[in-house]
Amino acid sequence: MSATNPAEEEVSSFFDLANQFIEVANRQLEEEEKTLEEVASAFRYAVARFTAYETVTRLGAIFSAEIEGLPNPDQVKEELLAKFVEQFRSMLDENLSEQIQAMSESEEEKQH
């Protein structure tokens, strides 16, 4: 029996969870007969809403202007927005590259 790598397990768990969300979106397309635009827009909105919830839950005290000595809530908000936009951009860039590559390979196979 081989030892498992906790980092690999964490990455695997991350992708498994992401795939579960994607499966929900796919079911909306197939079973609920929603359009790609409807599902994608709702999915992005849900991600934004849940990210806001996560942020406020983790940093709730920072958003209380009555507590002295804490950073300005608007400044914290802007810093967090920049961080999340950069993370999303990186993930989107990676996935777009993979999808474009897969599409190109599929087209090449059709031509041969």
C-alpha atoms as a PDB file:
ATOM      1  CA  MET A   1       0.000   0.000   0.000  1.00  0.00           C
ATOM      2  CA  SER A   2       1.513   3.337  -1.018  1.00  0.00           C
ATOM      3  CA  ALA A   3       1.405   6.488   1.044  1.00  0.00           C
ATOM      4  CA  THR A   4      -0.857   9.200  -0.280  1.00  0.00           C
ATOM      5  CA  ASN A   5       0.307  12.738  -0.760  1.00  0.00           C
ATOM      6  CA  PRO A   6      -1.943  15.168   1.188  1.00  0.00           C
ATOM      7  CA  ALA A   7      -1.276  17.930  -1.346  1.00  0.00           C
ATOM      8  CA  GLU A   8      -2.361  15.670  -4.212  1.00  0.00           C
ATOM      9  CA  GLU A   9      -5.472  14.650  -2.274  1.00  0.00           C
ATOM     10  CA  GLU A  10      -6.319  18.311  -1.681  1.00  0.00           C
ATOM     11  CA  VAL A  11      -5.936  19.137  -5.386  1.00  0.00           C
ATOM     12  CA  SER A  12      -8.023  16.104  -6.336  1.00  0.00           C
ATOM     13  CA  SER A  13     -10.725  17.105  -3.846  1.00  0.00           C
ATOM     14  CA  PHE A  14     -10.708  20.665  -5.246  1.00  0.00           C
ATOM     15  CA  PHE A  15     -11.247  19.458  -8.814  1.00  0.00           C
ATOM     16  CA  ASP A  16     -13.853  16.891  -7.717  1.00  0.00           C
ATOM     17  CA  LEU A  17     -15.849  19.641  -6.018  1.00  0.00           C
ATOM     18  CA  ALA A  18     -15.515  21.946  -9.039  1.00  0.00           C
ATOM     19  CA  ASN A  19     -16.711  19.112 -11.281  1.00  0.00           C
ATOM     20  CA  GLN A  20     -19.802  18.665  -9.101  1.00  0.00           C
ATOM     21  CA  PHE A  21     -20.738  22.312  -9.687  1.00  0.00           C
ATOM     22  CA  ILE A  22     -20.153  21.899 -13.418  1.00  0.00           C
ATOM     23  CA  GLU A  23     -22.394  18.814 -13.401  1.00  0.00           C
ATOM     24  CA  VAL A  24     -25.198  20.919 -11.889  1.00  0.00           C
ATOM     25  CA  ALA A  25     -24.767  23.467 -14.690  1.00  0.00           C
ATOM     26  CA  ASN A  26     -24.772  20.693 -17.295  1.00  0.00           C
ATOM     27  CA  ARG A  27     -28.005  19.269 -15.851  1.00  0.00           C
ATOM     28  CA  GLN A  28     -29.579  22.703 -16.150  1.00  0.00           C
ATOM     29  CA  LEU A  29     -28.651  22.720 -19.829  1.00  0.00           C
ATOM     30  CA  GLU A  30     -29.824  19.179 -20.522  1.00  0.00           C
ATOM     31  CA  GLU A  31     -32.735  18.473 -18.193  1.00  0.00           C
ATOM     32  CA  GLU A  32     -34.102  21.944 -17.546  1.00  0.00           C
ATOM     33  CA  GLU A  33     -33.548  23.041 -21.148  1.00  0.00           C
ATOM     34  CA  LYS A  34     -31.966  26.333 -20.162  1.00  0.00           C
ATOM     35  CA  THR A  35     -29.767  28.150 -22.659  1.00  0.00           C
ATOM     36  CA  LEU A  36     -25.995  28.276 -22.302  1.00  0.00           C
ATOM     37  CA  GLU A  37     -26.243  32.032 -21.703  1.00  0.00           C
ATOM     38  CA  GLU A  38     -28.855  31.577 -18.945  1.00  0.00           C
ATOM     39  CA  VAL A  39     -26.847  28.912 -17.145  1.00  0.00           C
ATOM     40  CA  ALA A  40     -23.504  30.701 -17.529  1.00  0.00           C
ATOM     41  CA  SER A  41     -24.897  34.032 -16.295  1.00  0.00           C
ATOM     42  CA  ALA A  42     -26.571  32.392 -13.306  1.00  0.00           C
ATOM     43  CA  PHE A  43     -23.399  30.430 -12.552  1.00  0.00           C
ATOM     44  CA  ARG A  44     -21.243  33.584 -12.566  1.00  0.00           C
ATOM     45  CA  TYR A  45     -23.782  35.402 -10.396  1.00  0.00           C
ATOM     46  CA  ALA A  46     -23.820  32.491  -7.929  1.00  0.00           C
ATOM     47  CA  VAL A  47     -20.010  32.515  -7.758  1.00  0.00           C
ATOM     48  CA  ALA A  48     -19.992  36.270  -7.129  1.00  0.00           C
ATOM     49  CA  ARG A  49     -22.695  36.006  -4.480  1.00  0.00           C
ATOM     50  CA  PHE A  50     -21.026  33.106  -2.679  1.00  0.00           C
ATOM     51  CA  THR A  51     -17.620  34.825  -2.826  1.00  0.00           C
ATOM     52  CA  ALA A  52     -19.148  37.929  -1.241  1.00  0.00           C
ATOM     53  CA  TYR A  53     -20.663  35.744   1.490  1.00  0.00           C
ATOM     54  CA  GLU A  54     -17.317  33.994   2.062  1.00  0.00           C
ATOM     55  CA  THR A  55     -15.502  37.313   2.290  1.00  0.00           C
ATOM     56  CA  VAL A  56     -17.928  38.960   4.685  1.00  0.00           C
ATOM     57  CA  THR A  57     -18.044  35.831   6.841  1.00  0.00           C
ATOM     58  CA  ARG A  58     -14.262  35.652   7.096  1.00  0.00           C
ATOM     59  CA  LEU A  59     -13.657  39.359   7.452  1.00  0.00           C
ATOM     60  CA  GLY A  60     -16.904  40.548   9.008  1.00  0.00           C
ATOM     61  CA  ALA A  61     -15.211  42.671  11.659  1.00  0.00           C
ATOM     62  CA  ILE A  62     -13.304  44.639   9.036  1.00  0.00           C
ATOM     63  CA  PHE A  63     -16.563  45.772   7.466  1.00  0.00           C
ATOM     64  CA  SER A  64     -17.726  47.315  10.724  1.00  0.00           C
ATOM     65  CA  ALA A  65     -16.687  50.964  10.529  1.00  0.00           C
ATOM     66  CA  GLU A  66     -17.308  51.333  14.275  1.00  0.00           C
ATOM     67  CA  ILE A  67     -14.223  49.317  15.213  1.00  0.00           C
ATOM     68  CA  GLU A  68     -11.195  51.581  15.565  1.00  0.00           C
ATOM     69  CA  GLY A  69      -7.819  50.751  14.102  1.00  0.00           C
ATOM     70  CA  LEU A  70      -9.112  48.532  11.326  1.00  0.00           C
ATOM     71  CA  PRO A  71      -8.509  49.265   7.658  1.00  0.00           C
ATOM     72  CA  ASN A  72     -11.057  51.280   5.735  1.00  0.00           C
ATOM     73  CA  PRO A  73     -13.783  48.846   4.580  1.00  0.00           C
ATOM     74  CA  ASP A  74     -13.841  50.397   1.095  1.00  0.00           C
ATOM     75  CA  GLN A  75     -10.080  49.941   0.781  1.00  0.00           C
ATOM     76  CA  VAL A  76     -10.348  46.316   1.918  1.00  0.00           C
ATOM     77  CA  LYS A  77     -13.165  45.776  -0.592  1.00  0.00           C
ATOM     78  CA  GLU A  78     -11.057  47.158  -3.464  1.00  0.00           C
ATOM     79  CA  GLU A  79      -8.062  45.017  -2.483  1.00  0.00           C
ATOM     80  CA  LEU A  80     -10.238  41.906  -2.312  1.00  0.00           C
ATOM     81  CA  LEU A  81     -11.862  42.699  -5.661  1.00  0.00           C
ATOM     82  CA  ALA A  82      -8.419  43.006  -7.252  1.00  0.00           C
ATOM     83  CA  LYS A  83      -7.356  39.688  -5.707  1.00  0.00           C
ATOM     84  CA  PHE A  84     -10.484  37.832  -6.842  1.00  0.00           C
ATOM     85  CA  VAL A  85     -10.360  39.329 -10.342  1.00  0.00           C
ATOM     86  CA  GLU A  86      -6.738  38.216 -10.697  1.00  0.00           C
ATOM     87  CA  GLN A  87      -7.583  34.694  -9.475  1.00  0.00           C
ATOM     88  CA  PHE A  88     -10.539  34.443 -11.846  1.00  0.00           C
ATOM     89  CA  ARG A  89      -8.516  35.807 -14.747  1.00  0.00           C
ATOM     90  CA  SER A  90      -5.797  33.225 -14.141  1.00  0.00           C
ATOM     91  CA  MET A  91      -8.286  30.338 -13.917  1.00  0.00           C
ATOM     92  CA  LEU A  92     -10.202  31.554 -16.974  1.00  0.00           C
ATOM     93  CA  ASP A  93      -6.989  31.981 -18.968  1.00  0.00           C
ATOM     94  CA  GLU A  94      -5.889  28.437 -18.137  1.00  0.00           C
ATOM     95  CA  ASN A  95      -9.265  26.922 -18.984  1.00  0.00           C
ATOM     96  CA  LEU A  96      -9.674  28.915 -22.205  1.00  0.00           C
ATOM     97  CA  SER A  97      -6.249  27.757 -23.344  1.00  0.00           C
ATOM     98  CA  GLU A  98      -7.196  24.137 -22.613  1.00  0.00           C
ATOM     99  CA  GLN A  99     -10.550  24.440 -24.398  1.00  0.00           C
ATOM    100  CA  ILE A 100      -9.014  26.124 -27.452  1.00  0.00           C
ATOM    101  CA  GLN A 101      -6.300  23.465 -27.606  1.00  0.00           C
ATOM    102  CA  ALA A 102      -8.875  20.673 -27.363  1.00  0.00           C
ATOM    103  CA  MET A 103     -11.000  22.295 -30.065  1.00  0.00           C
ATOM    104  CA  SER A 104      -7.963  22.669 -32.342  1.00  0.00           C
ATOM    105  CA  GLU A 105      -6.989  19.038 -31.831  1.00  0.00           C
ATOM    106  CA  SER A 106     -10.545  17.930 -32.552  1.00  0.00           C
ATOM    107  CA  GLU A 107     -10.598  19.934 -35.796  1.00  0.00           C
ATOM    108  CA  GLU A 108      -7.240  18.490 -36.836  1.00  0.00           C
ATOM    109  CA  GLU A 109      -8.521  14.950 -36.246  1.00  0.00           C
ATOM    110  CA  LYS A 110     -11.575  15.636 -38.418  1.00  0.00           C
ATOM    111  CA  GLN A 111      -9.337  16.775 -41.277  1.00  0.00           C
ATOM    112  CA  HIS A 112      -7.272  13.575 -41.271  1.00  0.00           C
END
